[in-house]
C-alpha atoms as a PDB file:
ATOM      1  CA  UNK A   1      15.983 -24.772 -37.314  1.00  0.00           C
ATOM      2  CA  UNK A   2      14.148 -26.628 -34.533  1.00  0.00           C
ATOM      3  CA  UNK A   3      10.913 -24.834 -33.732  1.00  0.00           C
ATOM      4  CA  UNK A   4       9.767 -24.282 -30.016  1.00  0.00           C
ATOM      5  CA  UNK A   5       6.314 -23.130 -28.959  1.00  0.00           C
ATOM      6  CA  UNK A   6       6.317 -21.344 -25.518  1.00  0.00           C
ATOM      7  CA  UNK A   7       2.861 -21.198 -24.037  1.00  0.00           C
ATOM      8  CA  UNK A   8       2.744 -18.301 -21.659  1.00  0.00           C
ATOM      9  CA  UNK A   9       4.494 -14.936 -21.894  1.00  0.00           C
ATOM     10  CA  UNK A  10       5.332 -14.278 -18.376  1.00  0.00           C
ATOM     11  CA  UNK A  11       8.854 -14.354 -16.645  1.00  0.00           C
ATOM     12  CA  UNK A  12       9.394 -18.046 -17.108  1.00  0.00           C
ATOM     13  CA  UNK A  13       8.362 -17.804 -20.650  1.00  0.00           C
ATOM     14  CA  UNK A  14      10.606 -14.953 -21.258  1.00  0.00           C
ATOM     15  CA  UNK A  15      13.653 -16.737 -19.497  1.00  0.00           C
ATOM     16  CA  UNK A  16      12.821 -19.914 -21.734  1.00  0.00           C
ATOM     17  CA  UNK A  17      12.550 -17.930 -24.936  1.00  0.00           C
ATOM     18  CA  UNK A  18      16.020 -15.964 -24.407  1.00  0.00           C
ATOM     19  CA  UNK A  19      17.849 -19.120 -23.837  1.00  0.00           C
ATOM     20  CA  UNK A  20      16.280 -20.927 -26.534  1.00  0.00           C
ATOM     21  CA  UNK A  21      16.401 -18.245 -29.135  1.00  0.00           C
ATOM     22  CA  UNK A  22      20.279 -17.840 -28.170  1.00  0.00           C
ATOM     23  CA  UNK A  23      20.787 -21.519 -28.813  1.00  0.00           C
ATOM     24  CA  UNK A  24      19.529 -21.180 -32.255  1.00  0.00           C
ATOM     25  CA  UNK A  25      15.965 -22.306 -31.741  1.00  0.00           C
ATOM     26  CA  UNK A  26      12.995 -20.735 -33.735  1.00  0.00           C
ATOM     27  CA  UNK A  27      10.831 -19.453 -30.788  1.00  0.00           C
ATOM     28  CA  UNK A  28       7.126 -18.470 -30.978  1.00  0.00           C
ATOM     29  CA  UNK A  29       5.600 -17.487 -27.597  1.00  0.00           C
ATOM     30  CA  UNK A  30       1.711 -17.383 -27.293  1.00  0.00           C
ATOM     31  CA  UNK A  31      -0.342 -15.996 -24.534  1.00  0.00           C
ATOM     32  CA  UNK A  32      -4.139 -15.376 -24.082  1.00  0.00           C
ATOM     33  CA  UNK A  33      -3.460 -12.061 -22.445  1.00  0.00           C
ATOM     34  CA  UNK A  34      -3.329  -8.723 -24.399  1.00  0.00           C
ATOM     35  CA  UNK A  35       0.207  -8.115 -23.473  1.00  0.00           C
ATOM     36  CA  UNK A  36       3.232 -10.169 -22.094  1.00  0.00           C
ATOM     37  CA  UNK A  37       4.011 -10.021 -18.366  1.00  0.00           C
ATOM     38  CA  UNK A  38       1.921 -12.798 -16.848  1.00  0.00           C
ATOM     39  CA  UNK A  39       1.604 -11.819 -12.971  1.00  0.00           C
ATOM     40  CA  UNK A  40       4.218  -8.940 -13.546  1.00  0.00           C
ATOM     41  CA  UNK A  41       0.842  -6.977 -14.245  1.00  0.00           C
ATOM     42  CA  UNK A  42       0.949  -2.960 -14.710  1.00  0.00           C
ATOM     43  CA  UNK A  43      -1.595  -0.513 -15.737  1.00  0.00           C
ATOM     44  CA  UNK A  44      -1.830   3.385 -16.043  1.00  0.00           C
ATOM     45  CA  UNK A  45      -4.721   5.338 -14.884  1.00  0.00           C
ATOM     46  CA  UNK A  46      -5.649   6.636 -18.307  1.00  0.00           C
ATOM     47  CA  UNK A  47      -4.179   5.864 -21.897  1.00  0.00           C
ATOM     48  CA  UNK A  48      -1.968   8.768 -21.463  1.00  0.00           C
ATOM     49  CA  UNK A  49       1.424   7.311 -21.411  1.00  0.00           C
ATOM     50  CA  UNK A  50       2.475  10.037 -18.851  1.00  0.00           C
ATOM     51  CA  UNK A  51      -0.384   8.937 -16.381  1.00  0.00           C
ATOM     52  CA  UNK A  52       0.537   7.363 -12.922  1.00  0.00           C
ATOM     53  CA  UNK A  53       1.021   3.533 -13.231  1.00  0.00           C
ATOM     54  CA  UNK A  54       0.464   0.710 -10.586  1.00  0.00           C
ATOM     55  CA  UNK A  55       1.773  -2.887 -10.296  1.00  0.00           C
ATOM     56  CA  UNK A  56      -1.477  -4.903  -9.347  1.00  0.00           C
ATOM     57  CA  UNK A  57       0.560  -8.360  -9.413  1.00  0.00           C
ATOM     58  CA  UNK A  58       3.963  -8.912  -8.435  1.00  0.00           C
ATOM     59  CA  UNK A  59       5.225  -5.832  -6.445  1.00  0.00           C
ATOM     60  CA  UNK A  60       9.035  -6.184  -6.461  1.00  0.00           C
ATOM     61  CA  UNK A  61      11.561  -9.093  -6.813  1.00  0.00           C
ATOM     62  CA  UNK A  62      14.675 -10.224  -5.368  1.00  0.00           C
ATOM     63  CA  UNK A  63      17.730 -11.789  -7.034  1.00  0.00           C
ATOM     64  CA  UNK A  64      19.706 -14.316  -4.890  1.00  0.00           C
ATOM     65  CA  UNK A  65      21.292 -16.738  -7.425  1.00  0.00           C
ATOM     66  CA  UNK A  66      24.275 -16.119  -9.547  1.00  0.00           C
ATOM     67  CA  UNK A  67      22.939 -16.232 -13.184  1.00  0.00           C
ATOM     68  CA  UNK A  68      19.858 -14.286 -12.275  1.00  0.00           C
ATOM     69  CA  UNK A  69      21.911 -11.529 -10.807  1.00  0.00           C
ATOM     70  CA  UNK A  70      23.987 -11.299 -13.907  1.00  0.00           C
ATOM     71  CA  UNK A  71      20.619 -10.775 -15.692  1.00  0.00           C
ATOM     72  CA  UNK A  72      19.457  -7.996 -13.047  1.00  0.00           C
ATOM     73  CA  UNK A  73      22.983  -6.414 -13.338  1.00  0.00           C
ATOM     74  CA  UNK A  74      22.587  -6.127 -16.950  1.00  0.00           C
ATOM     75  CA  UNK A  75      18.833  -4.550 -16.792  1.00  0.00           C
ATOM     76  CA  UNK A  76      19.856  -2.050 -13.777  1.00  0.00           C
ATOM     77  CA  UNK A  77      22.709  -0.799 -16.039  1.00  0.00           C
ATOM     78  CA  UNK A  78      20.123  -0.322 -18.773  1.00  0.00           C
ATOM     79  CA  UNK A  79      17.712   1.513 -16.492  1.00  0.00           C
ATOM     80  CA  UNK A  80      15.059  -0.975 -17.091  1.00  0.00           C
ATOM     81  CA  UNK A  81      15.333  -2.096 -13.398  1.00  0.00           C
ATOM     82  CA  UNK A  82      15.919  -0.108 -10.393  1.00  0.00           C
ATOM     83  CA  UNK A  83      16.334  -0.714  -6.563  1.00  0.00           C
ATOM     84  CA  UNK A  84      13.396   0.224  -4.370  1.00  0.00           C
ATOM     85  CA  UNK A  85      13.950   1.444  -0.821  1.00  0.00           C
ATOM     86  CA  UNK A  86      10.766   1.875   0.737  1.00  0.00           C
ATOM     87  CA  UNK A  87      10.190   2.431   4.637  1.00  0.00           C
ATOM     88  CA  UNK A  88       8.666  -1.096   5.225  1.00  0.00           C
ATOM     89  CA  UNK A  89       6.508  -1.527   8.287  1.00  0.00           C
ATOM     90  CA  UNK A  90       4.757  -4.622   9.810  1.00  0.00           C
ATOM     91  CA  UNK A  91       1.268  -4.225  11.130  1.00  0.00           C
ATOM     92  CA  UNK A  92       0.502  -5.697  14.377  1.00  0.00           C
ATOM     93  CA  UNK A  93      -2.797  -5.957  16.126  1.00  0.00           C
ATOM     94  CA  UNK A  94      -2.688  -5.166  19.954  1.00  0.00           C
ATOM     95  CA  UNK A  95      -5.125  -4.886  22.689  1.00  0.00           C
ATOM     96  CA  UNK A  96      -5.368  -1.052  21.818  1.00  0.00           C
ATOM     97  CA  UNK A  97      -5.728  -1.587  18.135  1.00  0.00           C
ATOM     98  CA  UNK A  98      -3.372  -1.671  15.140  1.00  0.00           C
ATOM     99  CA  UNK A  99       0.365  -0.554  15.317  1.00  0.00           C
ATOM    100  CA  UNK A 100       2.918  -0.019  12.682  1.00  0.00           C
ATOM    101  CA  UNK A 101       6.400  -1.111  13.522  1.00  0.00           C
ATOM    102  CA  UNK A 102       9.322  -0.766  11.381  1.00  0.00           C
ATOM    103  CA  UNK A 103      10.429  -3.820   9.679  1.00  0.00           C
ATOM    104  CA  UNK A 104      14.063  -5.178   9.907  1.00  0.00           C
ATOM    105  CA  UNK A 105      13.747  -6.444   6.478  1.00  0.00           C
ATOM    106  CA  UNK A 106      16.364  -4.669   4.342  1.00  0.00           C
ATOM    107  CA  UNK A 107      16.474  -6.847   1.667  1.00  0.00           C
ATOM    108  CA  UNK A 108      17.455  -5.477  -1.921  1.00  0.00           C
ATOM    109  CA  UNK A 109      13.922  -4.924  -3.858  1.00  0.00           C
ATOM    110  CA  UNK A 110      14.084  -4.623  -7.482  1.00  0.00           C
ATOM    111  CA  UNK A 111      11.307  -2.810  -9.473  1.00  0.00           C
ATOM    112  CA  UNK A 112      10.969  -1.233 -12.899  1.00  0.00           C
ATOM    113  CA  UNK A 113      10.728   2.452 -13.228  1.00  0.00           C
ATOM    114  CA  UNK A 114       7.394   2.085 -15.393  1.00  0.00           C
ATOM    115  CA  UNK A 115       6.219  -1.121 -13.900  1.00  0.00           C
ATOM    116  CA  UNK A 116       7.206  -4.770 -13.839  1.00  0.00           C
ATOM    117  CA  UNK A 117       5.195  -5.458 -17.114  1.00  0.00           C
ATOM    118  CA  UNK A 118       7.545  -3.035 -18.845  1.00  0.00           C
ATOM    119  CA  UNK A 119      10.495  -5.182 -17.691  1.00  0.00           C
ATOM    120  CA  UNK A 120       9.169  -8.538 -19.027  1.00  0.00           C
ATOM    121  CA  UNK A 121       8.092  -6.777 -22.541  1.00  0.00           C
ATOM    122  CA  UNK A 122      11.668  -5.586 -22.597  1.00  0.00           C
ATOM    123  CA  UNK A 123      13.053  -8.893 -22.104  1.00  0.00           C
ATOM    124  CA  UNK A 124      11.171 -10.257 -25.243  1.00  0.00           C
ATOM    125  CA  UNK A 125      11.852  -7.213 -27.318  1.00  0.00           C
ATOM    126  CA  UNK A 126      15.642  -7.640 -26.706  1.00  0.00           C
ATOM    127  CA  UNK A 127      16.099 -10.620 -28.898  1.00  0.00           C
ATOM    128  CA  UNK A 128      13.133  -9.777 -31.198  1.00  0.00           C
ATOM    129  CA  UNK A 129      11.200 -12.974 -30.287  1.00  0.00           C
ATOM    130  CA  UNK A 130       7.748 -13.519 -32.002  1.00  0.00           C
ATOM    131  CA  UNK A 131       5.345 -13.041 -29.166  1.00  0.00           C
ATOM    132  CA  UNK A 132       1.664 -13.369 -30.060  1.00  0.00           C
ATOM    133  CA  UNK A 133      -0.634 -12.141 -27.375  1.00  0.00           C
ATOM    134  CA  UNK A 134      -4.539 -12.470 -27.417  1.00  0.00           C
ATOM    135  CA  UNK A 135      -4.037 -16.055 -28.773  1.00  0.00           C
ATOM    136  CA  UNK A 136      -5.171 -18.738 -26.160  1.00  0.00           C
ATOM    137  CA  UNK A 137      -4.250 -22.344 -26.900  1.00  0.00           C
ATOM    138  CA  UNK A 138      -7.468 -24.254 -27.185  1.00  0.00           C
ATOM    139  CA  UNK A 139      -5.982 -27.831 -27.592  1.00  0.00           C
ATOM    140  CA  UNK A 140      -2.295 -29.088 -27.440  1.00  0.00           C
ATOM    141  CA  UNK A 141      -1.879 -32.457 -29.439  1.00  0.00           C
ATOM    142  CA  UNK A 142       1.199 -34.831 -29.658  1.00  0.00           C
ATOM    143  CA  UNK A 143       1.604 -35.595 -33.809  1.00  0.00           C
ATOM    144  CA  UNK A 144       3.958 -37.746 -35.672  1.00  0.00           C
ATOM    145  CA  UNK A 145       6.196 -34.677 -36.259  1.00  0.00           C
ATOM    146  CA  UNK A 146       5.981 -33.077 -32.972  1.00  0.00           C
ATOM    147  CA  UNK A 147       3.162 -31.030 -31.533  1.00  0.00           C
ATOM    148  CA  UNK A 148       0.096 -29.162 -32.656  1.00  0.00           C
ATOM    149  CA  UNK A 149      -1.336 -26.284 -30.890  1.00  0.00           C
ATOM    150  CA  UNK A 150      -5.103 -25.079 -31.770  1.00  0.00           C
ATOM    151  CA  UNK A 151      -5.671 -21.479 -31.192  1.00  0.00           C
ATOM    152  CA  UNK A 152      -9.208 -21.287 -32.339  1.00  0.00           C
ATOM    153  CA  UNK A 153      -9.627 -18.312 -34.779  1.00  0.00           C
ATOM    154  CA  UNK A 154      -6.022 -17.753 -34.907  1.00  0.00           C
ATOM    155  CA  UNK A 155      -5.480 -20.993 -36.459  1.00  0.00           C
ATOM    156  CA  UNK A 156      -2.841 -23.843 -35.845  1.00  0.00           C
ATOM    157  CA  UNK A 157       0.835 -23.729 -34.868  1.00  0.00           C
ATOM    158  CA  UNK A 158       3.183 -26.706 -35.279  1.00  0.00           C
ATOM    159  CA  UNK A 159       6.372 -27.070 -33.244  1.00  0.00           C
ATOM    160  CA  UNK A 160       9.134 -29.566 -32.647  1.00  0.00           C
ATOM    161  CA  UNK A 161       9.107 -28.798 -28.758  1.00  0.00           C
ATOM    162  CA  UNK A 162       6.823 -27.087 -26.096  1.00  0.00           C
ATOM    163  CA  UNK A 163       7.498 -25.165 -23.128  1.00  0.00           C
ATOM    164  CA  UNK A 164       4.352 -24.921 -21.031  1.00  0.00           C
ATOM    165  CA  UNK A 165       4.337 -22.355 -18.386  1.00  0.00           C
ATOM    166  CA  UNK A 166       0.708 -22.060 -17.408  1.00  0.00           C
ATOM    167  CA  UNK A 167      -0.459 -22.711 -13.952  1.00  0.00           C
ATOM    168  CA  UNK A 168      -0.835 -26.464 -13.197  1.00  0.00           C
ATOM    169  CA  UNK A 169      -4.736 -26.486 -13.541  1.00  0.00           C
ATOM    170  CA  UNK A 170      -4.470 -24.888 -16.928  1.00  0.00           C
ATOM    171  CA  UNK A 171      -1.526 -27.100 -17.825  1.00  0.00           C
ATOM    172  CA  UNK A 172      -3.355 -30.179 -16.829  1.00  0.00           C
ATOM    173  CA  UNK A 173      -6.474 -29.014 -18.828  1.00  0.00           C
ATOM    174  CA  UNK A 174      -4.104 -28.825 -21.990  1.00  0.00           C
ATOM    175  CA  UNK A 175      -2.325 -32.006 -21.664  1.00  0.00           C
ATOM    176  CA  UNK A 176      -5.405 -34.117 -21.087  1.00  0.00           C
ATOM    177  CA  UNK A 177      -4.507 -37.668 -20.818  1.00  0.00           C
ATOM    178  CA  UNK A 178      -0.925 -36.833 -21.220  1.00  0.00           C
ATOM    179  CA  UNK A 179      -1.023 -35.391 -17.674  1.00  0.00           C
ATOM    180  CA  UNK A 180      -0.254 -38.744 -16.254  1.00  0.00           C
ATOM    181  CA  UNK A 181       3.153 -38.217 -17.905  1.00  0.00           C
ATOM    182  CA  UNK A 182       3.887 -35.325 -15.322  1.00  0.00           C
ATOM    183  CA  UNK A 183       3.841 -36.464 -11.620  1.00  0.00           C
ATOM    184  CA  UNK A 184       3.804 -32.891 -10.336  1.00  0.00           C
ATOM    185  CA  UNK A 185       0.516 -32.245 -11.928  1.00  0.00           C
ATOM    186  CA  UNK A 186      -1.249 -34.705  -9.428  1.00  0.00           C
ATOM    187  CA  UNK A 187      -3.484 -32.475  -7.172  1.00  0.00           C
ATOM    188  CA  UNK A 188      -3.079 -29.701  -9.579  1.00  0.00           C
ATOM    189  CA  UNK A 189      -5.628 -27.255  -8.043  1.00  0.00           C
ATOM    190  CA  UNK A 190      -3.607 -27.309  -4.726  1.00  0.00           C
ATOM    191  CA  UNK A 191      -0.348 -26.321  -6.678  1.00  0.00           C
ATOM    192  CA  UNK A 192      -1.199 -22.684  -6.553  1.00  0.00           C
ATOM    193  CA  UNK A 193      -3.212 -20.744  -4.337  1.00  0.00           C
ATOM    194  CA  UNK A 194      -5.461 -17.428  -5.209  1.00  0.00           C
ATOM    195  CA  UNK A 195      -4.956 -13.738  -4.430  1.00  0.00           C
ATOM    196  CA  UNK A 196      -7.593 -10.989  -4.570  1.00  0.00           C
ATOM    197  CA  UNK A 197      -5.621  -7.793  -5.568  1.00  0.00           C
ATOM    198  CA  UNK A 198      -7.144  -4.320  -4.974  1.00  0.00           C
ATOM    199  CA  UNK A 199      -5.780  -0.857  -6.064  1.00  0.00           C
ATOM    200  CA  UNK A 200      -7.054   2.289  -4.278  1.00  0.00           C
ATOM    201  CA  UNK A 201      -5.916   5.939  -4.622  1.00  0.00           C
ATOM    202  CA  UNK A 202      -5.427   6.986  -0.837  1.00  0.00           C
ATOM    203  CA  UNK A 203      -3.289   9.566   0.970  1.00  0.00           C
ATOM    204  CA  UNK A 204       0.339   8.704   1.869  1.00  0.00           C
ATOM    205  CA  UNK A 205       0.999   7.018   5.300  1.00  0.00           C
ATOM    206  CA  UNK A 206       3.585   8.754   7.198  1.00  0.00           C
ATOM    207  CA  UNK A 207       6.907   6.738   7.395  1.00  0.00           C
ATOM    208  CA  UNK A 208       5.516   3.932   5.552  1.00  0.00           C
ATOM    209  CA  UNK A 209       5.363   2.977   1.726  1.00  0.00           C
ATOM    210  CA  UNK A 210       5.116  -0.834   2.192  1.00  0.00           C
ATOM    211  CA  UNK A 211       3.466  -3.068   4.617  1.00  0.00           C
ATOM    212  CA  UNK A 212       3.386  -6.496   5.818  1.00  0.00           C
ATOM    213  CA  UNK A 213       0.250  -7.736   7.460  1.00  0.00           C
ATOM    214  CA  UNK A 214       0.084 -11.159   9.268  1.00  0.00           C
ATOM    215  CA  UNK A 215      -3.235 -11.166  10.585  1.00  0.00           C
ATOM    216  CA  UNK A 216      -6.874 -10.676   8.984  1.00  0.00           C
ATOM    217  CA  UNK A 217      -7.543 -10.387   5.446  1.00  0.00           C
ATOM    218  CA  UNK A 218      -4.852  -8.452   4.064  1.00  0.00           C
ATOM    219  CA  UNK A 219      -1.280  -9.633   3.762  1.00  0.00           C
ATOM    220  CA  UNK A 220       0.509  -6.948   1.788  1.00  0.00           C
ATOM    221  CA  UNK A 221       0.183  -3.117   0.779  1.00  0.00           C
ATOM    222  CA  UNK A 222       2.418  -1.021  -1.336  1.00  0.00           C
ATOM    223  CA  UNK A 223       2.597   2.637  -2.381  1.00  0.00           C
ATOM    224  CA  UNK A 224       3.138   2.487  -6.134  1.00  0.00           C
ATOM    225  CA  UNK A 225       3.362   6.038  -6.438  1.00  0.00           C
ATOM    226  CA  UNK A 226       6.533   6.039  -4.185  1.00  0.00           C
ATOM    227  CA  UNK A 227       7.957   3.297  -6.675  1.00  0.00           C
ATOM    228  CA  UNK A 228       7.360   5.555  -9.336  1.00  0.00           C
ATOM    229  CA  UNK A 229       9.299   8.259  -7.732  1.00  0.00           C
ATOM    230  CA  UNK A 230       6.110  10.531  -7.263  1.00  0.00           C
ATOM    231  CA  UNK A 231       6.175  11.662  -3.751  1.00  0.00           C
ATOM    232  CA  UNK A 232       5.596  15.257  -4.356  1.00  0.00           C
ATOM    233  CA  UNK A 233       1.889  14.663  -3.693  1.00  0.00           C
ATOM    234  CA  UNK A 234      -0.192  13.459  -0.822  1.00  0.00           C
ATOM    235  CA  UNK A 235      -2.285  11.275  -3.329  1.00  0.00           C
ATOM    236  CA  UNK A 236      -1.057   8.045  -3.821  1.00  0.00           C
ATOM    237  CA  UNK A 237      -2.016   4.580  -5.591  1.00  0.00           C
ATOM    238  CA  UNK A 238      -1.973   1.745  -2.955  1.00  0.00           C
ATOM    239  CA  UNK A 239      -1.791  -2.010  -3.916  1.00  0.00           C
ATOM    240  CA  UNK A 240      -3.537  -4.026  -1.405  1.00  0.00           C
ATOM    241  CA  UNK A 241      -3.118  -7.941  -1.515  1.00  0.00           C
ATOM    242  CA  UNK A 242      -5.402 -10.465   0.251  1.00  0.00           C
ATOM    243  CA  UNK A 243      -3.906 -13.098   2.153  1.00  0.00           C
ATOM    244  CA  UNK A 244      -4.107 -16.708   0.890  1.00  0.00           C
ATOM    245  CA  UNK A 245      -6.589 -17.918   3.381  1.00  0.00           C
ATOM    246  CA  UNK A 246      -9.139 -14.951   2.823  1.00  0.00           C
ATOM    247  CA  UNK A 247      -8.604 -15.370  -0.879  1.00  0.00           C
ATOM    248  CA  UNK A 248      -9.381 -19.043  -0.865  1.00  0.00           C
ATOM    249  CA  UNK A 249     -12.435 -18.639   1.332  1.00  0.00           C
ATOM    250  CA  UNK A 250     -13.944 -15.746  -0.559  1.00  0.00           C
ATOM    251  CA  UNK A 251     -12.737 -16.663  -4.138  1.00  0.00           C
ATOM    252  CA  UNK A 252     -16.066 -16.275  -5.594  1.00  0.00           C
ATOM    253  CA  UNK A 253     -17.251 -13.282  -3.939  1.00  0.00           C
ATOM    254  CA  UNK A 254     -18.073 -10.142  -5.761  1.00  0.00           C
ATOM    255  CA  UNK A 255     -15.545  -7.437  -6.643  1.00  0.00           C
ATOM    256  CA  UNK A 256     -17.614  -5.087  -4.485  1.00  0.00           C
ATOM    257  CA  UNK A 257     -17.604  -7.292  -1.533  1.00  0.00           C
ATOM    258  CA  UNK A 258     -14.134  -7.749  -1.750  1.00  0.00           C
ATOM    259  CA  UNK A 259     -13.224  -4.024  -2.089  1.00  0.00           C
ATOM    260  CA  UNK A 260     -15.331  -3.144   0.843  1.00  0.00           C
ATOM    261  CA  UNK A 261     -13.672  -5.516   3.194  1.00  0.00           C
ATOM    262  CA  UNK A 262      -9.969  -4.665   2.103  1.00  0.00           C
ATOM    263  CA  UNK A 263     -10.494  -1.036   1.991  1.00  0.00           C
ATOM    264  CA  UNK A 264     -11.941  -1.062   5.548  1.00  0.00           C
ATOM    265  CA  UNK A 265      -9.084  -3.105   6.924  1.00  0.00           C
ATOM    266  CA  UNK A 266      -6.572  -0.857   5.127  1.00  0.00           C
ATOM    267  CA  UNK A 267      -8.193   2.182   6.913  1.00  0.00           C
ATOM    268  CA  UNK A 268      -8.341   0.423  10.132  1.00  0.00           C
ATOM    269  CA  UNK A 269      -4.619  -0.524  10.014  1.00  0.00           C
ATOM    270  CA  UNK A 270      -3.439   2.916   8.876  1.00  0.00           C
ATOM    271  CA  UNK A 271      -5.823   5.226  10.636  1.00  0.00           C
ATOM    272  CA  UNK A 272      -7.075   6.490   7.400  1.00  0.00           C
ATOM    273  CA  UNK A 273     -10.605   6.988   6.436  1.00  0.00           C
ATOM    274  CA  UNK A 274     -12.416   4.946   3.654  1.00  0.00           C
ATOM    275  CA  UNK A 275     -13.884   8.299   2.714  1.00  0.00           C
ATOM    276  CA  UNK A 276     -10.459   9.375   1.691  1.00  0.00           C
ATOM    277  CA  UNK A 277     -10.073   6.342  -0.637  1.00  0.00           C
ATOM    278  CA  UNK A 278     -11.104   5.829  -4.218  1.00  0.00           C
ATOM    279  CA  UNK A 279     -11.399   2.299  -5.877  1.00  0.00           C
ATOM    280  CA  UNK A 280      -9.175   2.157  -8.946  1.00  0.00           C
ATOM    281  CA  UNK A 281      -9.038  -1.557  -9.856  1.00  0.00           C
ATOM    282  CA  UNK A 282      -9.879  -5.027  -8.610  1.00  0.00           C
ATOM    283  CA  UNK A 283      -8.356  -8.278  -9.870  1.00  0.00           C
ATOM    284  CA  UNK A 284      -8.773 -11.832  -8.989  1.00  0.00           C
ATOM    285  CA  UNK A 285      -5.694 -14.215  -9.341  1.00  0.00           C
ATOM    286  CA  UNK A 286      -6.887 -17.537  -9.371  1.00  0.00           C
ATOM    287  CA  UNK A 287      -3.278 -18.825  -9.499  1.00  0.00           C
ATOM    288  CA  UNK A 288      -0.839 -16.518  -7.583  1.00  0.00           C
ATOM    289  CA  UNK A 289       1.162 -18.034  -4.827  1.00  0.00           C
ATOM    290  CA  UNK A 290       2.631 -21.642  -4.250  1.00  0.00           C
ATOM    291  CA  UNK A 291      -0.374 -23.822  -2.830  1.00  0.00           C
ATOM    292  CA  UNK A 292      -0.291 -26.164   0.110  1.00  0.00           C
ATOM    293  CA  UNK A 293       1.266 -29.073  -2.037  1.00  0.00           C
ATOM    294  CA  UNK A 294       3.590 -26.917  -4.079  1.00  0.00           C
ATOM    295  CA  UNK A 295       7.281 -28.095  -4.060  1.00  0.00           C
ATOM    296  CA  UNK A 296      10.615 -26.823  -5.376  1.00  0.00           C
ATOM    297  CA  UNK A 297      11.821 -29.379  -7.754  1.00  0.00           C
ATOM    298  CA  UNK A 298      15.655 -29.876  -8.775  1.00  0.00           C
ATOM    299  CA  UNK A 299      15.910 -28.924 -11.498  1.00  0.00           C
ATOM    300  CA  UNK A 300      13.007 -26.508 -11.152  1.00  0.00           C
ATOM    301  CA  UNK A 301      10.891 -27.805 -14.089  1.00  0.00           C
ATOM    302  CA  UNK A 302       9.369 -31.118 -15.234  1.00  0.00           C
ATOM    303  CA  UNK A 303      10.146 -32.684 -18.718  1.00  0.00           C
ATOM    304  CA  UNK A 304       9.600 -35.757 -20.935  1.00  0.00           C
ATOM    305  CA  UNK A 305      12.531 -35.498 -23.120  1.00  0.00           C
ATOM    306  CA  UNK A 306      11.619 -37.989 -25.612  1.00  0.00           C
ATOM    307  CA  UNK A 307       8.373 -36.041 -26.437  1.00  0.00           C
ATOM    308  CA  UNK A 308      10.066 -32.577 -26.430  1.00  0.00           C
ATOM    309  CA  UNK A 309       7.833 -31.129 -23.639  1.00  0.00           C
ATOM    310  CA  UNK A 310       8.645 -29.315 -20.585  1.00  0.00           C
ATOM    311  CA  UNK A 311       6.572 -27.846 -17.806  1.00  0.00           C
ATOM    312  CA  UNK A 312       7.884 -24.617 -16.063  1.00  0.00           C
ATOM    313  CA  UNK A 313       6.685 -21.630 -13.776  1.00  0.00           C
ATOM    314  CA  UNK A 314       7.594 -20.173 -10.300  1.00  0.00           C
ATOM    315  CA  UNK A 315       5.240 -22.777  -8.724  1.00  0.00           C
ATOM    316  CA  UNK A 316       7.856 -25.443  -9.821  1.00  0.00           C
ATOM    317  CA  UNK A 317      10.666 -23.394  -8.163  1.00  0.00           C
ATOM    318  CA  UNK A 318       9.330 -22.161  -4.785  1.00  0.00           C
ATOM    319  CA  UNK A 319       7.430 -19.219  -5.948  1.00  0.00           C
ATOM    320  CA  UNK A 320       8.768 -15.726  -6.891  1.00  0.00           C
ATOM    321  CA  UNK A 321       9.526 -13.770  -9.871  1.00  0.00           C
ATOM    322  CA  UNK A 322      13.203 -15.295  -9.543  1.00  0.00           C
ATOM    323  CA  UNK A 323      11.980 -18.785  -9.177  1.00  0.00           C
ATOM    324  CA  UNK A 324       9.933 -18.388 -12.466  1.00  0.00           C
ATOM    325  CA  UNK A 325      13.164 -17.051 -14.233  1.00  0.00           C
ATOM    326  CA  UNK A 326      15.246 -20.147 -12.911  1.00  0.00           C
ATOM    327  CA  UNK A 327      12.414 -22.538 -14.078  1.00  0.00           C
ATOM    328  CA  UNK A 328      12.063 -21.194 -17.489  1.00  0.00           C
ATOM    329  CA  UNK A 329      16.006 -21.367 -17.915  1.00  0.00           C
ATOM    330  CA  UNK A 330      15.974 -24.943 -16.589  1.00  0.00           C
ATOM    331  CA  UNK A 331      13.218 -25.850 -19.292  1.00  0.00           C
ATOM    332  CA  UNK A 332      15.347 -24.459 -22.073  1.00  0.00           C
ATOM    333  CA  UNK A 333      18.272 -26.585 -20.707  1.00  0.00           C
ATOM    334  CA  UNK A 334      16.382 -29.758 -20.903  1.00  0.00           C
ATOM    335  CA  UNK A 335      15.569 -29.218 -24.653  1.00  0.00           C
ATOM    336  CA  UNK A 336      19.004 -27.988 -25.653  1.00  0.00           C
ATOM    337  CA  UNK A 337      20.753 -30.791 -23.545  1.00  0.00           C
END
């Protein structure tokens, strides 16, 4: 049985793992993070499994292509996914200050009842795939028999093929001189742009549970408590995402500085007071959204078939959770074909 090493336990890694496991490969997935999920990142307020949760990475996703819709239909039926129908607003700044106007965007939004991280973990568990978190790849080398991954204190892994789902900058660092075999890794640092993420405990905003902002430092705000069905209390957990320009310009700013700026802006937009807000979490995603030179490939991955290595990730497929899924499936197809 051929063995494949998948680097990255996010959506692209899960998609590739499921397809390759079904095709009869021996699949091992490694990720430097403590749990699967990638940018489908969820936390709870405390270790109590009943405590409120919040997504601080991806907030929801859509399903437009037939194969992905089939996957979604299965997981909706299993109760792992659910449809989210918030009141969505657009924040617009006029001469008299901010106004919240209802958004005409009525697309189907998909979430997990326990956070999107729970969905990704379910995908891996469904096929009993060998997922090893907390094991970062320190080096990746081509050998006479395939590939060797050095995992530091966790030893080495040998595989016949590799699916590399890391962001472009990290993929290029692992590949070293072999980066030249992947034209898409040219200008790697511009393939993905950063995002500052903030979670605050704050009151509900009347008639608004999700908010698009097209001006200033913020780009998106979401009421996680509404996603979790916890609407009986006025206290909510809001995720605030900064826009790409602000995030890039303030990439190395302190978390305290970022938190001050984003909470003030959220207060101004919603007419809340910063005194009503409590900081819960800050996170800097260095590689979050498709960057200025990102391109959607067809197929949405890049492979060197003779060497048994494929690059995958949402940044090769136009972004979004669905893009990551499509890219992982395409990477698996490159190896099975």
